[in-house]
């Protein structure tokens, strides 16, 4: 016999999957609780019993995505068969791959703080957590998931350039990967003038950082 908790978990999973599909198809504007419920095949009221609104639903989708990316980077970091450069290359390709395959999700992963009501600052976040409970917790979960990815990524970078320089080069690499993903998505890398690819640029970034690590 299926328990109420198990049934609720199945419904929540269906809602999250439906929201992720709609986000991929049409961006955040395509995600409404009514459309998500219809796509998931649940009652009209079901989405509202699991999520306070569209923002909390999208926050949950983003959180799961950061967790998945963090798992992938962790697997790379702990793979004894890979060199430090190969681990870094794999981590960067993971990020660029999300931008390539799921551009709407990618934009949400790196959206500016304060862009949505739930992100207006740490002070307000604390107030929201006290007043709203689950909504504030959802934002905290997303922050933790993104932070875990950063920790895993910085650990890979540290293997190449040392702990002291990891944050500096980590920021440089993430900025580079973000720019590469944006340029590939906009088609600028396919122009006759640039004559390069995202993969070639990632390889160049890795070589530059590896070389810098050897001189530090």
Foldseek 3Di string as FASTA:
>chain_A
DQDPVNVLVLLLVLLLVLQLVQCQVPALVSDFLQSSCVNSVHDSCSSVVVAVTSVLSLLLNLLVVLLVLLVQLLCLLPDPVDDLLRSLLSSLCSLLVCLVRRVNSSCVNPPDAPPDPCRNDPVVLVVCCVVPPPSSVSNVSSVVSNVSSLVSNLVSLCVQANPVCSVVLVVVSVVQSVVLSVCVVVPVCVDPVNVDHSSVSSSVSSVVSNVNNVVD
